[in-house]
Amino acid sequence: QVQLVESGGGLVQAGGSLRLSCTASERTLSMNAMGWFRQAPGKERAFVAAITSTSGTTYYADSVKGRFAISRDNAKNTLYLQMNSLKPEDTAVYYCAARTYDSPSYYPHRGNNYDYWGQGTQVTVSR
């Protein structure tokens, strides 16, 4: 059973920055991939970014490209999401997700491609 704990959320003004962290109870190197999703009030959960463990390939939603950066520190078993130039529409609960299995197909933007989730951390961007 993998446990994921997010931290780093908070209240920030538009244009500001935050860095989210997700600490895993197991080696991040053992994960096939990890990602960040978010859910705004009244909306469905949406893909934000993902990174594969073997090649380090990154994926981003169009809405965050150029502003957010996903990275990982395998020595600390931690996944990060650096968020810059934040906008009010980035307000949401942000969830960390991990994919522990390998399969021929991987769709990073699909939530059902991950088997473990954190509890989420709130990010609020004020105008």
Protein backbone atom coordinates (compact mmCIF):
# COMPACT_ATOMS: atom_id res chain seq x y z
CA GLN A 1 0.00 0.00 0.00
CA VAL A 2 1.56 3.26 -1.12
CA GLN A 3 0.83 6.39 0.87
CA LEU A 4 1.12 9.81 -0.72
CA VAL A 5 1.12 12.99 1.34
CA GLU A 6 0.83 16.39 -0.33
CA SER A 7 1.95 19.66 1.18
CA GLY A 8 2.73 23.22 0.14
CA GLY A 9 -0.71 24.50 -0.70
CA GLY A 10 -2.00 27.82 0.53
CA LEU A 11 -3.31 31.24 -0.38
CA VAL A 12 -1.38 33.32 -2.89
CA GLN A 13 -2.08 36.41 -4.97
CA ALA A 14 -2.42 36.21 -8.72
CA GLY A 15 1.01 36.23 -10.34
CA GLY A 16 2.60 34.55 -7.35
CA SER A 17 4.23 31.15 -6.97
CA LEU A 18 3.85 28.02 -4.89
CA ARG A 19 5.67 24.71 -4.79
CA LEU A 20 3.69 21.61 -3.97
CA SER A 21 5.36 18.50 -2.59
CA CYS A 22 4.19 14.90 -2.53
CA THR A 23 6.09 12.51 -0.32
CA ALA A 24 5.68 8.81 -1.04
CA SER A 25 5.96 5.97 1.45
CA GLU A 26 7.86 3.93 -1.14
CA ARG A 27 10.72 4.67 -3.50
CA THR A 28 9.58 6.97 -6.27
CA LEU A 29 11.98 5.11 -8.53
CA SER A 30 9.73 2.09 -8.13
CA MET A 31 6.76 4.03 -9.50
CA ASN A 32 6.02 3.67 -13.18
CA ALA A 33 4.84 7.29 -13.23
CA MET A 34 3.55 10.04 -10.96
CA GLY A 35 1.29 12.94 -11.62
CA TRP A 36 -0.67 15.90 -10.35
CA PHE A 37 -4.38 16.44 -10.82
CA ARG A 38 -6.65 19.18 -9.54
CA GLN A 39 -10.32 19.62 -8.79
CA ALA A 40 -11.97 23.01 -8.61
CA PRO A 41 -15.32 23.50 -6.85
CA GLY A 42 -18.14 22.17 -8.97
CA LYS A 43 -15.81 20.75 -11.58
CA GLU A 44 -14.43 17.35 -12.39
CA ARG A 45 -10.91 16.34 -11.52
CA ALA A 46 -8.48 17.48 -14.22
CA PHE A 47 -4.99 16.48 -15.25
CA VAL A 48 -2.20 18.94 -14.52
CA ALA A 49 1.16 17.26 -15.07
CA ALA A 50 2.92 13.90 -14.98
CA ILE A 51 6.40 12.43 -15.09
CA THR A 52 7.57 8.93 -15.91
CA SER A 53 10.11 7.20 -13.72
CA THR A 54 12.30 5.53 -16.30
CA SER A 55 12.84 8.26 -18.88
CA GLY A 56 11.72 11.28 -16.89
CA THR A 57 9.37 12.28 -19.68
CA THR A 58 7.03 15.06 -18.59
CA TYR A 59 3.50 15.85 -19.67
CA TYR A 60 1.46 19.01 -19.05
CA ALA A 61 -2.06 20.20 -19.51
CA ASP A 62 -2.23 23.02 -22.03
CA SER A 63 -3.56 25.36 -19.37
CA VAL A 64 -0.36 25.13 -17.30
CA LYS A 65 2.35 24.76 -19.95
CA GLY A 66 5.08 27.32 -19.47
CA ARG A 67 3.92 28.14 -15.95
CA PHE A 68 4.14 24.86 -14.02
CA ALA A 69 7.01 22.40 -13.78
CA ILE A 70 6.91 18.86 -12.44
CA SER A 71 9.99 17.21 -11.01
CA ARG A 72 11.01 14.53 -8.57
CA ASP A 73 13.77 13.89 -6.07
CA ASN A 74 14.18 10.13 -5.88
CA ALA A 75 16.58 10.40 -2.95
CA LYS A 76 13.76 11.99 -0.95
CA ASN A 77 10.94 9.96 -2.52
CA THR A 78 9.26 13.26 -3.29
CA LEU A 79 7.40 14.64 -6.26
CA TYR A 80 7.17 18.41 -6.80
CA LEU A 81 5.01 20.83 -8.71
CA GLN A 82 6.46 24.30 -9.10
CA MET A 83 3.65 26.68 -9.96
CA ASN A 84 4.49 30.15 -11.26
CA SER A 85 2.39 33.00 -12.62
CA LEU A 86 -0.60 31.65 -10.79
CA LYS A 87 -4.07 32.68 -11.90
CA PRO A 88 -7.40 32.66 -10.02
CA GLU A 89 -8.51 29.81 -12.28
CA ASP A 90 -5.72 27.67 -10.82
CA THR A 91 -7.66 27.59 -7.54
CA ALA A 92 -8.38 23.95 -6.71
CA VAL A 93 -7.52 21.02 -4.53
CA TYR A 94 -4.36 19.48 -5.95
CA TYR A 95 -3.86 15.73 -5.77
CA CYS A 96 -0.76 13.66 -6.19
CA ALA A 97 -1.13 10.31 -7.96
CA ALA A 98 1.14 7.32 -8.45
CA ARG A 99 1.14 4.52 -10.98
CA THR A 100 2.92 1.47 -9.61
CA TYR A 101 2.31 -0.95 -12.46
CA ASP A 102 3.67 -1.22 -15.93
CA SER A 103 1.56 -1.78 -19.01
CA PRO A 104 1.99 -1.23 -22.75
CA SER A 105 -0.24 1.82 -22.74
CA TYR A 106 -0.03 4.85 -20.49
CA TYR A 107 -2.28 7.84 -20.78
CA PRO A 108 -0.96 10.41 -18.28
CA HIS A 109 -4.07 12.57 -18.38
CA ARG A 110 -6.40 9.76 -17.37
CA GLY A 111 -7.01 9.36 -13.66
CA ASN A 112 -7.70 5.64 -14.03
CA ASN A 113 -4.09 5.17 -15.15
CA TYR A 114 -2.98 5.71 -11.54
CA ASP A 115 -3.61 3.38 -8.63
CA TYR A 116 -2.73 5.49 -5.60
CA TRP A 117 -3.82 8.99 -4.62
CA GLY A 118 -3.04 11.47 -1.91
CA GLN A 119 -5.57 13.37 0.17
CA GLY A 120 -5.02 16.66 -1.62
CA THR A 121 -3.82 20.13 -0.74
CA GLN A 122 -5.79 23.34 -1.27
CA VAL A 123 -4.42 26.05 -3.52
CA THR A 124 -6.27 29.36 -3.57
CA VAL A 125 -5.25 32.18 -5.89
CA SER A 126 -6.77 35.57 -5.14
CA ARG A 127 -7.22 38.38 -7.65
